[in-house]
Structure formats: structure tokens, C-alpha cells
Amino acid sequence: MWRFTAVLFAIAAMVGLAMVHGSVYAQPSHGNPHADKQLICHVADSTSAHIIEVALPAVPAHLRNHGDCIINSTDRNLIGQPCDPTDANGDDICDIQP
């Protein structure tokens, strides 16, 4: 009986830990870089670009591999809107901001 109780307690502890750790880890206020986001003007193909939101660690790859540029706004209503990915001075910030 004690083995059953120990196994049941271990399972309950793992489930509880996963629930608490997952919710705490997802909060941006705890310094989790995975929860911090940046709006960028993403070049979808040779004819169009639109605003997307990406995790901060993914921003350098988007800028380097896609020709994207950074949008200075934090307005999430802009996601999906067309944008101009022109960055004439090469500072990775879009010259024309929405």
C-alpha cells in the first residue's frame, strides 16, 4: 500500500510542478525571453510584405535571412497589415513605419 501511495504522490507532484512551472515560465514579467515579442515587416515573397510578430530570439534570423525590418510599434492590431520593408540606411529599422 505504501508503494501505491508513493507512486500516487510522485505523479501528483510532477503534474503540479508542470502546471505551476508552465504558467510561470510563460509570463513576460518574469524575464522570460521566449515571451517577449517584436513586430517586424516580413518579406513574404518578391511582391509582398506584411507585419508579423516574432519572438525576440528569432528577430536576427528574420532580418538576416528574409530581408525583414523592425516595426517600432507595439500595436498588435497591425499584425497581418501590408508594410514597406525598405531599410535604406541598413539599421534594420523600417524606413516607413505604419
Protein backbone atom coordinates (compact mmCIF):
# COMPACT_ATOMS: atom_id res chain seq x y z
CA MET A 1 0.00 0.00 0.00
CA TRP A 2 2.82 2.41 0.75
CA ARG A 3 4.23 1.89 -2.76
CA PHE A 4 0.90 2.83 -4.28
CA THR A 5 0.76 5.94 -2.10
CA ALA A 6 4.34 6.89 -3.02
CA VAL A 7 3.66 6.47 -6.76
CA LEU A 8 0.42 8.45 -6.50
CA PHE A 9 2.22 11.22 -4.61
CA ALA A 10 5.04 11.30 -7.18
CA ILE A 11 2.59 11.58 -10.08
CA ALA A 12 0.65 14.34 -8.33
CA ALA A 13 3.89 16.22 -7.62
CA MET A 14 5.01 16.01 -11.26
CA VAL A 15 1.64 17.18 -12.56
CA GLY A 16 1.58 20.04 -10.06
CA LEU A 17 5.12 21.08 -10.91
CA ALA A 18 4.39 21.02 -14.65
CA MET A 19 1.27 23.15 -14.18
CA VAL A 20 2.97 25.77 -11.99
CA HIS A 21 6.23 25.86 -13.95
CA GLY A 22 4.45 26.18 -17.31
CA SER A 23 2.27 29.10 -16.24
CA VAL A 24 5.11 30.96 -14.51
CA TYR A 25 7.53 30.35 -17.39
CA ALA A 26 5.15 31.86 -19.95
CA GLN A 27 4.82 35.19 -18.15
CA PRO A 28 6.86 38.02 -19.73
CA SER A 29 7.13 39.78 -16.36
CA HIS A 30 9.48 37.05 -15.12
CA GLY A 31 12.22 37.91 -17.60
CA ASN A 32 11.44 35.03 -19.95
CA PRO A 33 12.83 35.96 -23.39
CA HIS A 34 10.54 33.44 -25.06
CA ALA A 35 7.51 35.53 -24.11
CA ASP A 36 8.90 38.84 -25.42
CA LYS A 37 7.81 39.67 -28.98
CA GLN A 38 8.75 42.14 -31.71
CA LEU A 39 6.73 43.34 -34.69
CA ILE A 40 8.60 43.13 -37.97
CA CYS A 41 7.83 43.82 -41.61
CA HIS A 42 8.21 40.33 -43.09
CA VAL A 43 9.01 39.88 -46.77
CA ALA A 44 6.69 37.03 -47.75
CA ASP A 45 7.76 36.82 -51.40
CA SER A 46 9.15 39.10 -54.10
CA THR A 47 5.90 41.06 -54.40
CA SER A 48 4.50 41.46 -50.89
CA ALA A 49 5.37 42.10 -47.27
CA HIS A 50 3.22 42.12 -44.15
CA ILE A 51 3.61 42.71 -40.43
CA ILE A 52 4.19 39.68 -38.23
CA GLU A 53 5.08 39.17 -34.58
CA VAL A 54 8.08 37.01 -33.72
CA ALA A 55 9.90 36.06 -30.53
CA LEU A 56 12.90 38.29 -29.82
CA PRO A 57 15.42 35.44 -30.26
CA ALA A 58 14.09 34.89 -33.82
CA VAL A 59 14.40 38.53 -34.92
CA PRO A 60 18.08 38.37 -36.02
CA ALA A 61 17.38 35.35 -38.23
CA HIS A 62 14.42 37.09 -39.87
CA LEU A 63 16.46 40.23 -40.52
CA ARG A 64 19.37 38.24 -41.94
CA ASN A 65 17.51 35.59 -43.96
CA HIS A 66 14.38 37.32 -45.21
CA GLY A 67 15.30 40.96 -45.65
CA ASP A 68 12.79 41.94 -42.98
CA CYS A 69 12.94 45.12 -40.93
CA ILE A 70 11.78 46.15 -37.45
CA ILE A 71 8.50 47.95 -36.78
CA ASN A 72 8.77 50.32 -33.79
CA SER A 73 5.12 49.94 -32.81
CA THR A 74 3.74 47.61 -30.14
CA ASP A 75 0.20 47.75 -31.56
CA ARG A 76 -0.75 44.11 -32.18
CA ASN A 77 -3.64 45.28 -34.38
CA LEU A 78 -1.04 45.87 -37.10
CA ILE A 79 -0.33 42.13 -37.46
CA GLY A 80 -1.22 41.00 -40.97
CA GLN A 81 -1.28 44.51 -42.42
CA PRO A 82 0.83 45.24 -45.52
CA CYS A 83 4.08 47.13 -44.95
CA ASP A 84 7.10 48.55 -46.77
CA PRO A 85 10.33 46.67 -45.93
CA THR A 86 12.60 49.48 -47.17
CA ASP A 87 15.71 49.93 -44.99
CA ALA A 88 17.91 52.30 -46.99
CA ASN A 89 20.33 53.13 -44.16
CA GLY A 90 20.85 49.49 -43.11
CA ASP A 91 19.95 49.92 -39.42
CA ASP A 92 17.34 47.08 -39.55
CA ILE A 93 14.52 49.53 -38.73
CA CYS A 94 11.91 50.07 -41.44
CA ASP A 95 12.23 53.50 -43.04
CA ILE A 96 8.46 53.75 -43.43
CA GLN A 97 6.66 52.96 -40.19
CA PRO A 98 2.92 52.20 -40.05
